[in-house]
Amino acid sequence: MSRWAWLLMLLAGNALAVDRVRYCDYPVYPPISWSDGQQVRGLAPTVVKTLFGRLGYEVEVVVLGNWKRCLLDAAEGRVDVVLAYSSVQREQSLVFAAVPVLREEVALFVNRQHPLRFERLEDLANYRGGLLFGESYGADFDRMVALHHNIEWVSDSRQNFGKLLRGRIDFITQERRTGQLYVENLPGGQDIVALPNALSVDYLRVGVSRRSPLASDMPRINALLQQLVDAGDIERWLDQSEVAYRDMIKEGR
């Protein structure tokens, strides 16, 4: 092989590497992201594939053992993109899009057989909660958790809701839409309710690793996200994902 042919092959290989976006997902948040056993489905992968597809990239979906692993790999540059809430800590390693994908209301899910008193965040210091590894629900909540060490961390939502049903924990912090969709099909789920008072309201955003070449492409990412929002695509995909998830659960019965 000539020196020039080898160089052309090397350049082509580098171009392919640049043209592929590695997107990390932990698919346990229907209808945002969930797995049908073969692939990751839901609003999040649909947004990422459409968004970066229009920018000329092929999207590789990476699924790791928990959400904390996704965030760590993004921080280290092993993956390019996640969809997450923005926080001061996360902004150290991720550049977040200015245009949010979705407004989400974070609720407390409790067992009606073991009611708790919740009027303000400080009330939760008296109870035991359950979260998935890597979850963050705002600076105030994170400070409360760090101060009182009253959270049991797990990697699976089934573990959390199982603990709540058995009275081993007192509350679960969860996006209201996701939690209610999960409880619909949970044996004994009639005892689990979401409190009407929201813990917080946050926004799901595209986050790009600061170590990824994509970090410099945020103006185009924001422009395309705005187009998806304005066209009603995101709301339509969200509705479609809820229907698809419910259909999957019914078929599995």
Protein backbone atom coordinates (compact mmCIF):
# COMPACT_ATOMS: atom_id res chain seq x y z
CA MET A 1 0.00 0.00 0.00
CA SER A 2 1.35 3.41 -0.96
CA ARG A 3 1.95 6.12 1.60
CA TRP A 4 -0.84 8.26 0.08
CA ALA A 5 -3.37 5.41 0.13
CA TRP A 6 -2.58 4.75 3.77
CA LEU A 7 -3.03 8.45 4.57
CA LEU A 8 -6.40 8.56 2.80
CA MET A 9 -7.59 5.52 4.77
CA LEU A 10 -6.47 7.15 8.01
CA LEU A 11 -8.29 10.37 7.19
CA ALA A 12 -11.43 8.44 6.23
CA GLY A 13 -11.32 6.53 9.51
CA ASN A 14 -11.01 9.75 11.47
CA ALA A 15 -13.92 11.28 9.57
CA LEU A 16 -16.11 8.33 10.43
CA ALA A 17 -15.16 8.65 14.09
CA VAL A 18 -16.01 12.34 14.14
CA ASP A 19 -19.32 11.74 12.36
CA ARG A 20 -20.55 9.35 15.06
CA VAL A 21 -22.19 10.68 18.21
CA ARG A 22 -22.14 8.47 21.30
CA TYR A 23 -25.34 9.07 23.30
CA CYS A 24 -25.63 7.53 26.78
CA ASP A 25 -29.04 6.58 28.12
CA TYR A 26 -30.27 4.74 31.20
CA PRO A 27 -33.71 3.63 29.94
CA VAL A 28 -35.78 3.42 33.12
CA TYR A 29 -37.79 6.64 32.76
CA PRO A 30 -40.83 5.99 30.55
CA PRO A 31 -42.02 7.76 28.47
CA ILE A 32 -38.73 9.71 28.31
CA SER A 33 -36.63 6.61 27.75
CA TRP A 34 -37.30 2.93 28.24
CA SER A 35 -36.29 -0.42 26.78
CA ASP A 36 -38.47 -2.96 25.02
CA GLY A 37 -35.81 -5.60 25.59
CA GLN A 38 -34.17 -5.02 22.23
CA GLN A 39 -33.67 -1.27 21.89
CA VAL A 40 -33.98 2.00 23.77
CA ARG A 41 -37.21 3.80 22.97
CA GLY A 42 -38.95 6.97 24.05
CA LEU A 43 -38.77 10.73 23.68
CA ALA A 44 -35.09 11.10 24.60
CA PRO A 45 -33.54 8.78 21.97
CA THR A 46 -35.98 10.10 19.37
CA VAL A 47 -34.91 13.70 20.04
CA VAL A 48 -31.20 12.84 20.02
CA LYS A 49 -31.35 10.76 16.84
CA THR A 50 -33.40 13.37 15.00
CA LEU A 51 -31.38 16.32 16.24
CA PHE A 52 -27.94 14.96 15.47
CA GLY A 53 -29.13 13.16 12.36
CA ARG A 54 -30.09 16.55 10.91
CA LEU A 55 -26.63 17.80 11.84
CA GLY A 56 -25.16 14.98 9.78
CA TYR A 57 -24.18 12.56 12.53
CA GLU A 58 -24.85 8.88 13.10
CA VAL A 59 -26.01 8.26 16.68
CA GLU A 60 -24.72 5.30 18.69
CA VAL A 61 -26.84 4.58 21.77
CA VAL A 62 -24.80 3.48 24.79
CA VAL A 63 -26.54 1.84 27.76
CA LEU A 64 -24.60 1.51 31.01
CA GLY A 65 -25.40 0.01 34.40
CA ASN A 66 -26.83 3.14 35.98
CA TRP A 67 -27.35 6.86 35.39
CA LYS A 68 -24.27 7.80 37.41
CA ARG A 69 -22.12 5.84 34.93
CA CYS A 70 -23.62 7.83 32.04
CA LEU A 71 -22.74 11.12 33.70
CA LEU A 72 -19.23 9.92 34.55
CA ASP A 73 -18.56 8.75 31.00
CA ALA A 74 -19.83 12.07 29.64
CA ALA A 75 -17.55 13.95 32.04
CA GLU A 76 -14.59 11.89 30.88
CA GLY A 77 -15.48 12.27 27.19
CA ARG A 78 -16.18 8.59 26.59
CA VAL A 79 -19.68 9.57 25.43
CA ASP A 80 -20.70 12.81 23.75
CA VAL A 81 -24.31 13.41 24.75
CA VAL A 82 -26.80 12.85 27.57
CA LEU A 83 -30.25 14.27 28.32
CA ALA A 84 -30.33 15.54 31.88
CA TYR A 85 -31.23 18.30 34.30
CA SER A 86 -28.64 21.05 34.50
CA SER A 87 -26.86 21.68 37.80
CA VAL A 88 -23.80 23.62 38.91
CA GLN A 89 -21.87 20.40 39.38
CA ARG A 90 -22.87 18.96 36.02
CA GLU A 91 -22.06 22.20 34.21
CA GLN A 92 -18.42 21.66 35.13
CA SER A 93 -18.23 18.78 32.67
CA LEU A 94 -21.24 19.34 30.37
CA VAL A 95 -22.43 22.17 28.14
CA PHE A 96 -26.23 22.32 28.28
CA ALA A 97 -28.48 23.52 25.48
CA ALA A 98 -30.29 26.78 26.16
CA VAL A 99 -33.46 25.39 24.57
CA PRO A 100 -35.01 22.77 26.92
CA VAL A 101 -36.45 19.54 25.59
CA LEU A 102 -39.16 19.21 28.23
CA ARG A 103 -40.51 20.83 31.38
CA GLU A 104 -40.77 18.27 34.16
CA GLU A 105 -42.44 18.42 37.55
CA VAL A 106 -40.64 16.46 40.25
CA ALA A 107 -43.03 14.86 42.73
CA LEU A 108 -42.81 12.81 45.91
CA PHE A 109 -44.31 9.34 45.66
CA VAL A 110 -45.41 7.87 48.97
CA ASN A 111 -47.26 4.85 50.33
CA ARG A 112 -50.75 5.88 51.46
CA GLN A 113 -50.51 3.21 54.18
CA HIS A 114 -47.54 5.11 55.65
CA PRO A 115 -48.37 8.80 55.15
CA LEU A 116 -45.79 11.49 55.75
CA ARG A 117 -45.94 15.22 56.35
CA PHE A 118 -44.49 17.33 53.56
CA GLU A 119 -44.93 21.08 53.33
CA ARG A 120 -41.36 22.17 52.72
CA LEU A 121 -38.11 20.51 51.78
CA GLU A 122 -36.78 20.40 55.33
CA ASP A 123 -39.64 18.06 56.31
CA LEU A 124 -38.01 15.27 54.28
CA ALA A 125 -35.04 15.20 56.64
CA ASN A 126 -37.24 13.16 59.01
CA TYR A 127 -37.87 10.40 56.48
CA ARG A 128 -36.02 7.81 54.43
CA GLY A 129 -36.04 8.24 50.65
CA GLY A 130 -35.01 6.25 47.61
CA LEU A 131 -33.20 7.51 44.48
CA LEU A 132 -31.39 6.02 41.53
CA PHE A 133 -27.61 6.40 41.41
CA GLY A 134 -26.67 9.74 39.86
CA GLU A 135 -30.05 11.45 40.27
CA SER A 136 -30.10 15.11 41.26
CA TYR A 137 -33.19 17.21 41.97
CA GLY A 138 -31.77 20.66 42.54
CA ALA A 139 -29.10 22.21 44.70
CA ASP A 140 -31.32 22.56 47.79
CA PHE A 141 -32.46 18.95 47.65
CA ASP A 142 -28.90 17.72 47.09
CA ARG A 143 -27.68 19.72 50.09
CA MET A 144 -30.43 18.24 52.27
CA VAL A 145 -29.44 14.73 51.18
CA ALA A 146 -25.74 15.38 51.81
CA LEU A 147 -26.48 16.82 55.25
CA HIS A 148 -28.87 14.15 56.54
CA HIS A 149 -27.74 11.02 54.64
CA ASN A 150 -31.33 9.83 54.45
CA ILE A 151 -31.33 8.40 50.92
CA GLU A 152 -30.93 4.77 49.85
CA TRP A 153 -29.36 4.60 46.41
CA VAL A 154 -30.31 1.85 43.96
CA SER A 155 -29.91 1.21 40.22
CA ASP A 156 -33.42 0.00 39.42
CA SER A 157 -36.82 1.70 39.80
CA ARG A 158 -38.40 -1.67 40.66
CA GLN A 159 -36.22 -1.83 43.76
CA ASN A 160 -37.32 1.63 44.83
CA PHE A 161 -41.03 1.07 44.37
CA GLY A 162 -40.74 -2.37 45.98
CA LYS A 163 -39.14 -0.80 49.04
CA LEU A 164 -41.86 1.84 49.16
CA LEU A 165 -44.59 -0.79 49.01
CA ARG A 166 -42.97 -2.78 51.82
CA GLY A 167 -42.45 0.31 53.98
CA ARG A 168 -38.64 0.11 53.88
CA ILE A 169 -38.47 3.70 52.61
CA ASP A 170 -40.90 6.59 53.04
CA PHE A 171 -40.72 8.37 49.70
CA ILE A 172 -39.39 8.27 46.16
CA THR A 173 -38.41 11.42 44.30
CA GLN A 174 -39.49 11.02 40.68
CA GLU A 175 -40.66 13.04 37.70
CA ARG A 176 -44.43 12.98 38.09
CA ARG A 177 -45.26 11.71 34.58
CA THR A 178 -42.73 8.88 34.77
CA GLY A 179 -43.73 7.80 38.27
CA GLN A 180 -47.44 7.72 37.51
CA LEU A 181 -46.87 5.74 34.33
CA TYR A 182 -44.79 3.21 36.24
CA VAL A 183 -47.28 2.87 39.12
CA GLU A 184 -50.15 2.17 36.69
CA ASN A 185 -48.83 -1.33 36.08
CA LEU A 186 -47.22 -2.09 39.43
CA PRO A 187 -48.74 -4.86 41.56
CA GLY A 188 -49.97 -3.15 44.70
CA GLY A 189 -49.47 0.20 43.02
CA GLN A 190 -52.88 1.43 44.18
CA ASP A 191 -51.22 2.20 47.53
CA ILE A 192 -48.63 4.51 45.94
CA VAL A 193 -49.64 8.11 45.30
CA ALA A 194 -47.90 11.28 44.18
CA LEU A 195 -48.28 14.18 46.58
CA PRO A 196 -49.93 17.21 44.96
CA ASN A 197 -47.20 19.63 46.06
CA ALA A 198 -44.31 19.51 43.60
CA LEU A 199 -40.83 19.18 45.03
CA SER A 200 -39.48 21.24 42.13
CA VAL A 201 -39.88 22.03 38.46
CA ASP A 202 -36.92 21.40 36.19
CA TYR A 203 -36.10 21.16 32.51
CA LEU A 204 -34.67 18.20 30.62
CA ARG A 205 -31.86 19.42 28.39
CA VAL A 206 -29.36 18.14 25.86
CA GLY A 207 -25.99 18.01 27.59
CA VAL A 208 -22.78 17.73 25.57
CA SER A 209 -19.47 16.66 27.09
CA ARG A 210 -17.01 19.53 27.31
CA ARG A 211 -14.44 17.05 25.97
CA SER A 212 -16.49 16.39 22.83
CA PRO A 213 -15.98 18.32 19.56
CA LEU A 214 -19.76 18.83 19.63
CA ALA A 215 -19.40 21.32 22.50
CA SER A 216 -18.48 24.01 20.00
CA ASP A 217 -21.61 23.29 17.95
CA MET A 218 -24.17 24.46 20.53
CA PRO A 219 -25.53 27.36 18.42
CA ARG A 220 -26.66 24.92 15.72
CA ILE A 221 -27.94 22.46 18.32
CA ASN A 222 -30.04 25.18 19.95
CA ALA A 223 -31.40 26.37 16.61
CA LEU A 224 -32.52 22.87 15.63
CA LEU A 225 -34.00 22.21 19.06
CA GLN A 226 -36.05 25.37 18.75
CA GLN A 227 -37.34 24.17 15.37
CA LEU A 228 -38.42 20.84 16.92
CA VAL A 229 -40.21 22.65 19.74
CA ASP A 230 -41.93 25.15 17.45
CA ALA A 231 -43.11 22.43 15.07
CA GLY A 232 -44.73 20.48 17.94
CA ASP A 233 -42.53 17.45 17.24
CA ILE A 234 -41.40 16.97 20.83
CA GLU A 235 -44.93 17.03 22.25
CA ARG A 236 -46.06 14.58 19.55
CA TRP A 237 -43.17 12.20 20.23
CA LEU A 238 -43.92 12.33 23.96
CA ASP A 239 -47.56 11.32 23.36
CA GLN A 240 -46.49 8.54 21.00
CA SER A 241 -44.02 7.19 23.54
CA GLU A 242 -46.67 7.02 26.28
CA VAL A 243 -48.98 5.07 23.97
CA ALA A 244 -46.18 2.72 22.88
CA TYR A 245 -45.10 2.04 26.47
CA ARG A 246 -48.65 1.24 27.60
CA ASP A 247 -49.12 -1.04 24.59
CA MET A 248 -45.90 -2.89 25.43
CA ILE A 249 -46.99 -3.43 29.03
CA LYS A 250 -50.42 -4.72 27.92
CA GLU A 251 -48.85 -7.14 25.45
CA GLY A 252 -46.53 -8.45 28.16
CA ARG A 253 -49.37 -9.41 30.46
